[in-house]
Amino acid sequence: MTDLAAIDAGTNYTHWDDPRWFDRWADIAAATSAEETRTIVDEMLQVFYDDGPWLHLYFQPDFYGVSNRVDWQPRPDEKVYLFNAGLK
């Protein structure tokens, strides 16, 4: 989401300027609980889905192997940093 945290972001190739998205970043910063933050983020993602800057044509699911011996959690941005992994 932070790739589009500002209208003049380098990743805002289409010059999208929906205030329902960009004005909510201040609301996230002012949120006082995780539940409030989640509600705001969900509303923002709905705006992005309904009227976003890009066509949503492809979804790449992530698949990870699992083991009870490995202590590791996948990141929401799909990057894999193994220095965070360890053995239990």
PDB file of N, CA and C in Angstrom:
ATOM      1  N   MET A   1       0.815  -1.192   0.000  1.00  0.00           N
ATOM      2  CA  MET A   1       0.000   0.000   0.000  1.00  0.00           C
ATOM      3  C   MET A   1       0.857   1.255   0.000  1.00  0.00           C
ATOM      4  N   THR A   2       1.991   1.193   0.658  1.00  0.00           N
ATOM      5  CA  THR A   2       2.806   2.398   0.781  1.00  0.00           C
ATOM      6  C   THR A   2       3.438   2.824  -0.535  1.00  0.00           C
ATOM      7  N   ASP A   3       3.384   1.973  -1.551  1.00  0.00           N
ATOM      8  CA  ASP A   3       3.852   2.408  -2.872  1.00  0.00           C
ATOM      9  C   ASP A   3       3.010   3.567  -3.394  1.00  0.00           C
ATOM     10  N   LEU A   4       1.806   3.711  -2.859  1.00  0.00           N
ATOM     11  CA  LEU A   4       0.924   4.815  -3.253  1.00  0.00           C
ATOM     12  C   LEU A   4       0.515   5.631  -2.022  1.00  0.00           C
ATOM     13  N   ALA A   5       1.487   6.009  -1.213  1.00  0.00           N
ATOM     14  CA  ALA A   5       1.197   6.782  -0.009  1.00  0.00           C
ATOM     15  C   ALA A   5       1.060   8.278  -0.294  1.00  0.00           C
ATOM     16  N   ALA A   6       1.468   8.703  -1.476  1.00  0.00           N
ATOM     17  CA  ALA A   6       1.364  10.110  -1.849  1.00  0.00           C
ATOM     18  C   ALA A   6       1.047  10.211  -3.335  1.00  0.00           C
ATOM     19  N   ILE A   7       0.325  11.258  -3.691  1.00  0.00           N
ATOM     20  CA  ILE A   7      -0.054  11.434  -5.097  1.00  0.00           C
ATOM     21  C   ILE A   7       1.181  11.543  -5.982  1.00  0.00           C
ATOM     22  N   ASP A   8       2.237  12.159  -5.465  1.00  0.00           N
ATOM     23  CA  ASP A   8       3.451  12.336  -6.266  1.00  0.00           C
ATOM     24  C   ASP A   8       4.456  11.196  -6.101  1.00  0.00           C
ATOM     25  N   ALA A   9       4.000  10.047  -5.588  1.00  0.00           N
ATOM     26  CA  ALA A   9       4.885   8.884  -5.437  1.00  0.00           C
ATOM     27  C   ALA A   9       5.397   8.439  -6.803  1.00  0.00           C
ATOM     28  N   GLY A  10       6.627   8.000  -6.849  1.00  0.00           N
ATOM     29  CA  GLY A  10       7.210   7.550  -8.104  1.00  0.00           C
ATOM     30  C   GLY A  10       6.498   6.366  -8.719  1.00  0.00           C
ATOM     31  N   THR A  11       5.773   5.606  -7.916  1.00  0.00           N
ATOM     32  CA  THR A  11       5.050   4.440  -8.417  1.00  0.00           C
ATOM     33  C   THR A  11       3.613   4.773  -8.828  1.00  0.00           C
ATOM     34  N   ASN A  12       3.212   6.031  -8.713  1.00  0.00           N
ATOM     35  CA  ASN A  12       1.868   6.437  -9.120  1.00  0.00           C
ATOM     36  C   ASN A  12       1.905   6.833 -10.594  1.00  0.00           C
ATOM     37  N   TYR A  13       2.114   5.841 -11.439  1.00  0.00           N
ATOM     38  CA  TYR A  13       2.316   6.055 -12.873  1.00  0.00           C
ATOM     39  C   TYR A  13       1.102   6.663 -13.564  1.00  0.00           C
ATOM     40  N   THR A  14      -0.094   6.428 -13.023  1.00  0.00           N
ATOM     41  CA  THR A  14      -1.314   6.909 -13.667  1.00  0.00           C
ATOM     42  C   THR A  14      -1.798   8.233 -13.079  1.00  0.00           C
ATOM     43  N   HIS A  15      -1.040   8.784 -12.132  1.00  0.00           N
ATOM     44  CA  HIS A  15      -1.382  10.055 -11.480  1.00  0.00           C
ATOM     45  C   HIS A  15      -2.758   9.985 -10.808  1.00  0.00           C
ATOM     46  N   TRP A  16      -3.041   8.832 -10.240  1.00  0.00           N
ATOM     47  CA  TRP A  16      -4.291   8.599  -9.507  1.00  0.00           C
ATOM     48  C   TRP A  16      -4.333   9.536  -8.311  1.00  0.00           C
ATOM     49  N   ASP A  17      -5.472  10.166  -8.033  1.00  0.00           N
ATOM     50  CA  ASP A  17      -5.536  11.133  -6.938  1.00  0.00           C
ATOM     51  C   ASP A  17      -6.841  11.055  -6.147  1.00  0.00           C
ATOM     52  N   ASP A  18      -7.320   9.854  -5.912  1.00  0.00           N
ATOM     53  CA  ASP A  18      -8.569   9.647  -5.189  1.00  0.00           C
ATOM     54  C   ASP A  18      -8.395  10.031  -3.710  1.00  0.00           C
ATOM     55  N   PRO A  19      -9.124  11.041  -3.228  1.00  0.00           N
ATOM     56  CA  PRO A  19      -8.974  11.457  -1.829  1.00  0.00           C
ATOM     57  C   PRO A  19      -9.431  10.390  -0.838  1.00  0.00           C
ATOM     58  N   ARG A  20     -10.307   9.470  -1.287  1.00  0.00           N
ATOM     59  CA  ARG A  20     -10.724   8.387  -0.385  1.00  0.00           C
ATOM     60  C   ARG A  20      -9.555   7.482  -0.042  1.00  0.00           C
ATOM     61  N   TRP A  21      -8.505   7.512  -0.837  1.00  0.00           N
ATOM     62  CA  TRP A  21      -7.289   6.743  -0.575  1.00  0.00           C
ATOM     63  C   TRP A  21      -6.244   7.604   0.119  1.00  0.00           C
ATOM     64  N   PHE A  22      -5.900   8.712  -0.494  1.00  0.00           N
ATOM     65  CA  PHE A  22      -4.773   9.507  -0.008  1.00  0.00           C
ATOM     66  C   PHE A  22      -5.070  10.238   1.306  1.00  0.00           C
ATOM     67  N   ASP A  23      -6.297  10.631   1.550  1.00  0.00           N
ATOM     68  CA  ASP A  23      -6.626  11.317   2.797  1.00  0.00           C
ATOM     69  C   ASP A  23      -6.660  10.378   3.993  1.00  0.00           C
ATOM     70  N   ARG A  24      -6.742   9.099   3.755  1.00  0.00           N
ATOM     71  CA  ARG A  24      -6.853   8.144   4.869  1.00  0.00           C
ATOM     72  C   ARG A  24      -5.523   7.797   5.523  1.00  0.00           C
ATOM     73  N   TRP A  25      -4.399   8.174   4.901  1.00  0.00           N
ATOM     74  CA  TRP A  25      -3.101   7.871   5.513  1.00  0.00           C
ATOM     75  C   TRP A  25      -2.961   8.576   6.862  1.00  0.00           C
ATOM     76  N   ALA A  26      -3.476   9.787   6.965  1.00  0.00           N
ATOM     77  CA  ALA A  26      -3.447  10.499   8.249  1.00  0.00           C
ATOM     78  C   ALA A  26      -4.313   9.786   9.279  1.00  0.00           C
ATOM     79  N   ASP A  27      -5.420   9.201   8.838  1.00  0.00           N
ATOM     80  CA  ASP A  27      -6.285   8.445   9.751  1.00  0.00           C
ATOM     81  C   ASP A  27      -5.575   7.204  10.288  1.00  0.00           C
ATOM     82  N   ILE A  28      -4.803   6.555   9.448  1.00  0.00           N
ATOM     83  CA  ILE A  28      -4.035   5.397   9.912  1.00  0.00           C
ATOM     84  C   ILE A  28      -3.038   5.830  10.982  1.00  0.00           C
ATOM     85  N   ALA A  29      -2.343   6.934  10.739  1.00  0.00           N
ATOM     86  CA  ALA A  29      -1.357   7.423  11.705  1.00  0.00           C
ATOM     87  C   ALA A  29      -2.009   7.804  13.032  1.00  0.00           C
ATOM     88  N   ALA A  30      -3.254   8.264  12.997  1.00  0.00           N
ATOM     89  CA  ALA A  30      -3.944   8.692  14.215  1.00  0.00           C
ATOM     90  C   ALA A  30      -4.712   7.563  14.899  1.00  0.00           C
ATOM     91  N   ALA A  31      -4.784   6.405  14.286  1.00  0.00           N
ATOM     92  CA  ALA A  31      -5.541   5.285  14.864  1.00  0.00           C
ATOM     93  C   ALA A  31      -4.951   4.893  16.210  1.00  0.00           C
ATOM     94  N   THR A  32      -5.826   4.548  17.137  1.00  0.00           N
ATOM     95  CA  THR A  32      -5.384   4.230  18.494  1.00  0.00           C
ATOM     96  C   THR A  32      -5.429   2.739  18.821  1.00  0.00           C
ATOM     97  N   SER A  33      -5.895   1.935  17.881  1.00  0.00           N
ATOM     98  CA  SER A  33      -5.931   0.492  18.137  1.00  0.00           C
ATOM     99  C   SER A  33      -5.711  -0.255  16.831  1.00  0.00           C
ATOM    100  N   ALA A  34      -5.330  -1.501  16.964  1.00  0.00           N
ATOM    101  CA  ALA A  34      -5.127  -2.341  15.790  1.00  0.00           C
ATOM    102  C   ALA A  34      -6.443  -2.555  15.039  1.00  0.00           C
ATOM    103  N   GLU A  35      -7.537  -2.649  15.775  1.00  0.00           N
ATOM    104  CA  GLU A  35      -8.838  -2.836  15.140  1.00  0.00           C
ATOM    105  C   GLU A  35      -9.226  -1.617  14.305  1.00  0.00           C
ATOM    106  N   GLU A  36      -8.966  -0.416  14.835  1.00  0.00           N
ATOM    107  CA  GLU A  36      -9.266   0.805  14.101  1.00  0.00           C
ATOM    108  C   GLU A  36      -8.411   0.898  12.836  1.00  0.00           C
ATOM    109  N   THR A  37      -7.135   0.562  12.982  1.00  0.00           N
ATOM    110  CA  THR A  37      -6.235   0.559  11.826  1.00  0.00           C
ATOM    111  C   THR A  37      -6.721  -0.414  10.773  1.00  0.00           C
ATOM    112  N   ARG A  38      -7.097  -1.610  11.189  1.00  0.00           N
ATOM    113  CA  ARG A  38      -7.574  -2.632  10.255  1.00  0.00           C
ATOM    114  C   ARG A  38      -8.826  -2.164   9.513  1.00  0.00           C
ATOM    115  N   THR A  39      -9.737  -1.509  10.205  1.00  0.00           N
ATOM    116  CA  THR A  39     -10.954  -0.994   9.574  1.00  0.00           C
ATOM    117  C   THR A  39     -10.619   0.031   8.496  1.00  0.00           C
ATOM    118  N   ILE A  40      -9.716   0.950   8.800  1.00  0.00           N
ATOM    119  CA  ILE A  40      -9.314   1.977   7.835  1.00  0.00           C
ATOM    120  C   ILE A  40      -8.630   1.340   6.631  1.00  0.00           C
ATOM    121  N   VAL A  41      -7.720   0.415   6.888  1.00  0.00           N
ATOM    122  CA  VAL A  41      -7.007  -0.259   5.800  1.00  0.00           C
ATOM    123  C   VAL A  41      -7.993  -1.028   4.919  1.00  0.00           C
ATOM    124  N   ASP A  42      -8.941  -1.720   5.527  1.00  0.00           N
ATOM    125  CA  ASP A  42      -9.940  -2.453   4.743  1.00  0.00           C
ATOM    126  C   ASP A  42     -10.746  -1.515   3.853  1.00  0.00           C
ATOM    127  N   GLU A  43     -11.123  -0.355   4.391  1.00  0.00           N
ATOM    128  CA  GLU A  43     -11.861   0.626   3.588  1.00  0.00           C
ATOM    129  C   GLU A  43     -11.007   1.148   2.434  1.00  0.00           C
ATOM    130  N   MET A  44      -9.734   1.410   2.706  1.00  0.00           N
ATOM    131  CA  MET A  44      -8.832   1.887   1.658  1.00  0.00           C
ATOM    132  C   MET A  44      -8.651   0.833   0.572  1.00  0.00           C
ATOM    133  N   LEU A  45      -8.494  -0.406   0.966  1.00  0.00           N
ATOM    134  CA  LEU A  45      -8.309  -1.468  -0.016  1.00  0.00           C
ATOM    135  C   LEU A  45      -9.555  -1.670  -0.860  1.00  0.00           C
ATOM    136  N   GLN A  46     -10.721  -1.424  -0.279  1.00  0.00           N
ATOM    137  CA  GLN A  46     -11.948  -1.518  -1.069  1.00  0.00           C
ATOM    138  C   GLN A  46     -11.979  -0.420  -2.135  1.00  0.00           C
ATOM    139  N   VAL A  47     -11.542   0.786  -1.779  1.00  0.00           N
ATOM    140  CA  VAL A  47     -11.447   1.882  -2.757  1.00  0.00           C
ATOM    141  C   VAL A  47     -10.465   1.498  -3.855  1.00  0.00           C
ATOM    142  N   PHE A  48      -9.324   0.961  -3.459  1.00  0.00           N
ATOM    143  CA  PHE A  48      -8.309   0.555  -4.429  1.00  0.00           C
ATOM    144  C   PHE A  48      -8.847  -0.518  -5.367  1.00  0.00           C
ATOM    145  N   TYR A  49      -9.592  -1.441  -4.815  1.00  0.00           N
ATOM    146  CA  TYR A  49     -10.171  -2.519  -5.629  1.00  0.00           C
ATOM    147  C   TYR A  49     -11.255  -1.987  -6.571  1.00  0.00           C
ATOM    148  N   ASP A  50     -12.139  -1.140  -6.058  1.00  0.00           N
ATOM    149  CA  ASP A  50     -13.277  -0.641  -6.837  1.00  0.00           C
ATOM    150  C   ASP A  50     -12.878   0.398  -7.877  1.00  0.00           C
ATOM    151  N   ASP A  51     -11.918   1.249  -7.545  1.00  0.00           N
ATOM    152  CA  ASP A  51     -11.590   2.386  -8.415  1.00  0.00           C
ATOM    153  C   ASP A  51     -10.096   2.680  -8.372  1.00  0.00           C
ATOM    154  N   GLY A  52      -9.302   1.660  -8.493  1.00  0.00           N
ATOM    155  CA  GLY A  52      -7.863   1.811  -8.337  1.00  0.00           C
ATOM    156  C   GLY A  52      -7.156   2.352  -9.565  1.00  0.00           C
ATOM    157  N   PRO A  53      -5.871   2.589  -9.442  1.00  0.00           N
ATOM    158  CA  PRO A  53      -5.096   3.181 -10.528  1.00  0.00           C
ATOM    159  C   PRO A  53      -4.667   2.197 -11.601  1.00  0.00           C
ATOM    160  N   TRP A  54      -4.803   0.920 -11.342  1.00  0.00           N
ATOM    161  CA  TRP A  54      -4.346  -0.092 -12.289  1.00  0.00           C
ATOM    162  C   TRP A  54      -5.467  -1.079 -12.570  1.00  0.00           C
ATOM    163  N   LEU A  55      -5.343  -1.789 -13.666  1.00  0.00           N
ATOM    164  CA  LEU A  55      -6.240  -2.903 -13.929  1.00  0.00           C
ATOM    165  C   LEU A  55      -5.743  -4.100 -13.131  1.00  0.00           C
ATOM    166  N   HIS A  56      -6.642  -4.759 -12.482  1.00  0.00           N
ATOM    167  CA  HIS A  56      -6.285  -5.928 -11.674  1.00  0.00           C
ATOM    168  C   HIS A  56      -6.569  -7.178 -12.493  1.00  0.00           C
ATOM    169  N   LEU A  57      -5.571  -7.621 -13.225  1.00  0.00           N
ATOM    170  CA  LEU A  57      -5.769  -8.726 -14.149  1.00  0.00           C
ATOM    171  C   LEU A  57      -5.139 -10.038 -13.691  1.00  0.00           C
ATOM    172  N   TYR A  58      -4.222  -9.964 -12.743  1.00  0.00           N
ATOM    173  CA  TYR A  58      -3.464 -11.147 -12.398  1.00  0.00           C
ATOM    174  C   TYR A  58      -3.244 -11.187 -10.898  1.00  0.00           C
ATOM    175  N   PHE A  59      -3.351 -12.358 -10.329  1.00  0.00           N
ATOM    176  CA  PHE A  59      -3.081 -12.554  -8.913  1.00  0.00           C
ATOM    177  C   PHE A  59      -2.125 -13.728  -8.771  1.00  0.00           C
ATOM    178  N   GLN A  60      -0.994 -13.503  -8.148  1.00  0.00           N
ATOM    179  CA  GLN A  60      -0.001 -14.547  -7.936  1.00  0.00           C
ATOM    180  C   GLN A  60      -0.090 -15.036  -6.494  1.00  0.00           C
ATOM    181  N   PRO A  61      -0.636 -16.223  -6.280  1.00  0.00           N
ATOM    182  CA  PRO A  61      -0.663 -16.744  -4.916  1.00  0.00           C
ATOM    183  C   PRO A  61       0.738 -17.156  -4.478  1.00  0.00           C
ATOM    184  N   ASP A  62       0.980 -17.053  -3.204  1.00  0.00           N
ATOM    185  CA  ASP A  62       2.264 -17.470  -2.641  1.00  0.00           C
ATOM    186  C   ASP A  62       2.115 -18.866  -2.050  1.00  0.00           C
ATOM    187  N   PHE A  63       3.096 -19.678  -2.293  1.00  0.00           N
ATOM    188  CA  PHE A  63       3.129 -21.014  -1.716  1.00  0.00           C
ATOM    189  C   PHE A  63       4.431 -21.170  -0.949  1.00  0.00           C
ATOM    190  N   TYR A  64       4.342 -21.653   0.270  1.00  0.00           N
ATOM    191  CA  TYR A  64       5.519 -21.845   1.109  1.00  0.00           C
ATOM    192  C   TYR A  64       5.501 -23.258   1.665  1.00  0.00           C
ATOM    193  N   GLY A  65       6.670 -23.852   1.765  1.00  0.00           N
ATOM    194  CA  GLY A  65       6.784 -25.121   2.455  1.00  0.00           C
ATOM    195  C   GLY A  65       6.733 -24.872   3.953  1.00  0.00           C
ATOM    196  N   VAL A  66       6.301 -25.848   4.703  1.00  0.00           N
ATOM    197  CA  VAL A  66       6.194 -25.694   6.154  1.00  0.00           C
ATOM    198  C   VAL A  66       6.909 -26.837   6.852  1.00  0.00           C
ATOM    199  N   SER A  67       7.368 -26.547   8.063  1.00  0.00           N
ATOM    200  CA  SER A  67       8.003 -27.553   8.895  1.00  0.00           C
ATOM    201  C   SER A  67       7.838 -27.131  10.350  1.00  0.00           C
ATOM    202  N   ASN A  68       7.603 -28.098  11.206  1.00  0.00           N
ATOM    203  CA  ASN A  68       7.512 -27.800  12.638  1.00  0.00           C
ATOM    204  C   ASN A  68       8.871 -27.434  13.228  1.00  0.00           C
ATOM    205  N   ARG A  69       9.931 -27.680  12.486  1.00  0.00           N
ATOM    206  CA  ARG A  69      11.282 -27.398  12.986  1.00  0.00           C
ATOM    207  C   ARG A  69      11.778 -26.005  12.623  1.00  0.00           C
ATOM    208  N   VAL A  70      11.060 -25.311  11.743  1.00  0.00           N
ATOM    209  CA  VAL A  70      11.508 -23.997  11.280  1.00  0.00           C
ATOM    210  C   VAL A  70      10.649 -22.901  11.896  1.00  0.00           C
ATOM    211  N   ASP A  71      11.304 -21.870  12.416  1.00  0.00           N
ATOM    212  CA  ASP A  71      10.627 -20.701  12.965  1.00  0.00           C
ATOM    213  C   ASP A  71      10.740 -19.572  11.942  1.00  0.00           C
ATOM    214  N   TRP A  72       9.656 -19.358  11.172  1.00  0.00           N
ATOM    215  CA  TRP A  72       9.660 -18.337  10.129  1.00  0.00           C
ATOM    216  C   TRP A  72       8.240 -17.972   9.773  1.00  0.00           C
ATOM    217  N   GLN A  73       7.980 -16.705   9.507  1.00  0.00           N
ATOM    218  CA  GLN A  73       6.667 -16.235   9.079  1.00  0.00           C
ATOM    219  C   GLN A  73       6.816 -15.493   7.757  1.00  0.00           C
ATOM    220  N   PRO A  74       5.931 -15.739   6.785  1.00  0.00           N
ATOM    221  CA  PRO A  74       6.003 -15.008   5.522  1.00  0.00           C
ATOM    222  C   PRO A  74       5.634 -13.546   5.724  1.00  0.00           C
ATOM    223  N   ARG A  75       6.226 -12.689   4.903  1.00  0.00           N
ATOM    224  CA  ARG A  75       5.955 -11.254   4.958  1.00  0.00           C
ATOM    225  C   ARG A  75       4.756 -10.919   4.074  1.00  0.00           C
ATOM    226  N   PRO A  76       3.978  -9.893   4.432  1.00  0.00           N
ATOM    227  CA  PRO A  76       2.834  -9.521   3.593  1.00  0.00           C
ATOM    228  C   PRO A  76       3.238  -8.966   2.232  1.00  0.00           C
ATOM    229  N   ASP A  77       4.478  -8.495   2.093  1.00  0.00           N
ATOM    230  CA  ASP A  77       4.918  -7.961   0.798  1.00  0.00           C
ATOM    231  C   ASP A  77       5.572  -9.024  -0.074  1.00  0.00           C
ATOM    232  N   GLU A  78       5.510 -10.269   0.354  1.00  0.00           N
ATOM    233  CA  GLU A  78       5.979 -11.441  -0.386  1.00  0.00           C
ATOM    234  C   GLU A  78       7.499 -11.550  -0.511  1.00  0.00           C
ATOM    235  N   LYS A  79       8.248 -10.677   0.137  1.00  0.00           N
ATOM    236  CA  LYS A  79       9.709 -10.809   0.127  1.00  0.00           C
ATOM    237  C   LYS A  79      10.096 -11.909   1.101  1.00  0.00           C
ATOM    238  N   VAL A  80      11.125 -12.636   0.762  1.00  0.00           N
ATOM    239  CA  VAL A  80      11.584 -13.731   1.615  1.00  0.00           C
ATOM    240  C   VAL A  80      12.969 -13.389   2.122  1.00  0.00           C
ATOM    241  N   TYR A  81      13.060 -13.089   3.416  1.00  0.00           N
ATOM    242  CA  TYR A  81      14.344 -12.820   4.068  1.00  0.00           C
ATOM    243  C   TYR A  81      14.640 -13.982   5.005  1.00  0.00           C
ATOM    244  N   LEU A  82      15.605 -14.772   4.659  1.00  0.00           N
ATOM    245  CA  LEU A  82      15.893 -15.961   5.458  1.00  0.00           C
ATOM    246  C   LEU A  82      16.675 -15.648   6.730  1.00  0.00           C
ATOM    247  N   PHE A  83      17.237 -14.439   6.837  1.00  0.00           N
ATOM    248  CA  PHE A  83      17.941 -14.130   8.080  1.00  0.00           C
ATOM    249  C   PHE A  83      16.952 -14.002   9.240  1.00  0.00           C
ATOM    250  N   ASN A  84      15.665 -13.941   8.959  1.00  0.00           N
ATOM    251  CA  ASN A  84      14.647 -13.949  10.011  1.00  0.00           C
ATOM    252  C   ASN A  84      14.225 -15.368  10.394  1.00  0.00           C
ATOM    253  N   ALA A  85      14.691 -16.347   9.648  1.00  0.00           N
ATOM    254  CA  ALA A  85      14.317 -17.733   9.906  1.00  0.00           C
ATOM    255  C   ALA A  85      15.281 -18.363  10.895  1.00  0.00           C
ATOM    256  N   GLY A  86      14.787 -19.350  11.596  1.00  0.00           N
ATOM    257  CA  GLY A  86      15.636 -20.069  12.534  1.00  0.00           C
ATOM    258  C   GLY A  86      15.051 -21.440  12.807  1.00  0.00           C
ATOM    259  N   LEU A  87      15.820 -22.236  13.496  1.00  0.00           N
ATOM    260  CA  LEU A  87      15.358 -23.572  13.899  1.00  0.00           C
ATOM    261  C   LEU A  87      14.751 -23.489  15.286  1.00  0.00           C
ATOM    262  N   LYS A  88      13.720 -24.295  15.502  1.00  0.00           N
ATOM    263  CA  LYS A  88      13.074 -24.320  16.825  1.00  0.00           C
ATOM    264  C   LYS A  88      13.823 -25.252  17.740  1.00  0.00           C
TER     265      LYS A  88
END
